[in-house]
Amino acid sequence: MYTIDVSFSPMQNEQKHAELTHKTFLIMFRLLFVFAIPAIAAYFVGRWIDQTYDWRPYGSLLALAVSFIISWALVIRIYLSLEKEFKQLRESEKN
């Protein structure tokens, strides 16, 4: 019976590790946008709510709280996907 060796060689593991490190660096820039874009949107939406419904400062605070929650939910999602890839890499290094 034939078997196929699917384990990675040390060189492939180093290359995969370098790729994941680069991906992590790019994700850091992505996190900047994950926090910046909702915060900027919250500023304008909050200002509009404050002026339209005369809710100063509750409209801005509500919009900021929602953007904060959305940003952290995205950060957690990004972290879990990256952690899953590193876990797969660690498991392939063990074999």
Protein backbone atom coordinates (compact mmCIF):
# COMPACT_ATOMS: atom_id res chain seq x y z
CA MET A 1 0.00 0.00 0.00
CA TYR A 2 1.26 3.49 -0.83
CA THR A 3 1.46 6.27 1.73
CA ILE A 4 1.87 9.94 1.09
CA ASP A 5 3.94 12.03 3.45
CA VAL A 6 2.11 15.31 3.97
CA SER A 7 4.36 16.66 6.71
CA PHE A 8 6.25 19.86 6.08
CA SER A 9 10.00 19.95 5.83
CA PRO A 10 11.85 22.39 8.13
CA MET A 11 12.33 24.76 5.19
CA GLN A 12 8.61 24.76 4.44
CA ASN A 13 7.86 25.45 8.12
CA GLU A 14 10.24 28.42 8.12
CA GLN A 15 8.62 29.76 4.96
CA LYS A 16 5.14 29.27 6.42
CA HIS A 17 6.24 31.00 9.64
CA ALA A 18 7.64 33.94 7.64
CA GLU A 19 4.38 34.19 5.68
CA LEU A 20 2.33 34.21 8.88
CA THR A 21 4.62 36.81 10.44
CA HIS A 22 4.17 39.04 7.40
CA LYS A 23 0.42 38.45 7.52
CA THR A 24 0.44 39.46 11.19
CA PHE A 25 2.24 42.69 10.31
CA LEU A 26 -0.40 43.47 7.66
CA ILE A 27 -3.14 42.70 10.15
CA MET A 28 -1.72 45.38 12.44
CA PHE A 29 -2.40 47.95 9.73
CA ARG A 30 -5.84 46.45 9.25
CA LEU A 31 -6.53 46.93 12.95
CA LEU A 32 -5.77 50.60 12.56
CA PHE A 33 -8.62 50.84 10.09
CA VAL A 34 -10.87 48.61 12.22
CA PHE A 35 -10.71 51.24 14.96
CA ALA A 36 -10.33 54.41 12.88
CA ILE A 37 -13.19 54.01 10.40
CA PRO A 38 -15.91 53.20 12.96
CA ALA A 39 -14.65 56.00 15.24
CA ILE A 40 -14.80 58.54 12.43
CA ALA A 41 -18.23 57.29 11.39
CA ALA A 42 -19.37 57.44 15.04
CA TYR A 43 -18.28 61.05 15.24
CA PHE A 44 -20.41 62.09 12.28
CA VAL A 45 -23.38 59.87 13.14
CA GLY A 46 -23.26 60.97 16.76
CA ARG A 47 -23.09 64.63 15.79
CA TRP A 48 -26.04 64.15 13.45
CA ILE A 49 -28.07 62.42 16.19
CA ASP A 50 -27.16 65.15 18.66
CA GLN A 51 -28.24 67.93 16.30
CA THR A 52 -31.31 66.21 14.87
CA TYR A 53 -32.86 64.93 18.11
CA ASP A 54 -31.25 67.39 20.53
CA TRP A 55 -29.73 64.54 22.54
CA ARG A 56 -26.38 66.16 23.25
CA PRO A 57 -24.17 64.31 24.37
CA TYR A 58 -26.07 61.02 24.42
CA GLY A 59 -26.19 60.57 20.64
CA SER A 60 -22.42 60.85 20.36
CA LEU A 61 -21.86 58.57 23.32
CA LEU A 62 -24.24 55.96 21.91
CA ALA A 63 -22.58 56.05 18.48
CA LEU A 64 -19.14 55.81 20.07
CA ALA A 65 -20.18 52.85 22.23
CA VAL A 66 -21.59 51.01 19.20
CA SER A 67 -18.45 51.67 17.16
CA PHE A 68 -16.28 50.48 20.07
CA ILE A 69 -18.22 47.22 20.33
CA ILE A 70 -18.09 46.66 16.57
CA SER A 71 -14.35 47.35 16.48
CA TRP A 72 -13.56 44.91 19.27
CA ALA A 73 -15.78 42.23 17.74
CA LEU A 74 -13.78 42.56 14.52
CA VAL A 75 -10.49 42.45 16.42
CA ILE A 76 -11.51 39.26 18.21
CA ARG A 77 -12.57 37.68 14.93
CA ILE A 78 -9.24 38.59 13.29
CA TYR A 79 -7.33 37.27 16.30
CA LEU A 80 -9.15 33.94 16.32
CA SER A 81 -8.52 33.35 12.63
CA LEU A 82 -4.83 34.21 13.02
CA GLU A 83 -4.49 32.03 16.12
CA LYS A 84 -6.05 29.13 14.20
CA GLU A 85 -3.41 29.46 11.47
CA PHE A 86 -0.57 29.58 14.01
CA LYS A 87 -2.02 26.52 15.77
CA GLN A 88 -2.01 24.62 12.47
CA LEU A 89 1.61 25.67 11.95
CA ARG A 90 2.61 24.48 15.44
CA GLU A 91 0.89 21.14 14.85
CA SER A 92 2.67 20.68 11.52
CA GLU A 93 6.01 21.47 13.21
CA LYS A 94 5.40 18.73 15.78
CA ASN A 95 4.97 16.09 13.07
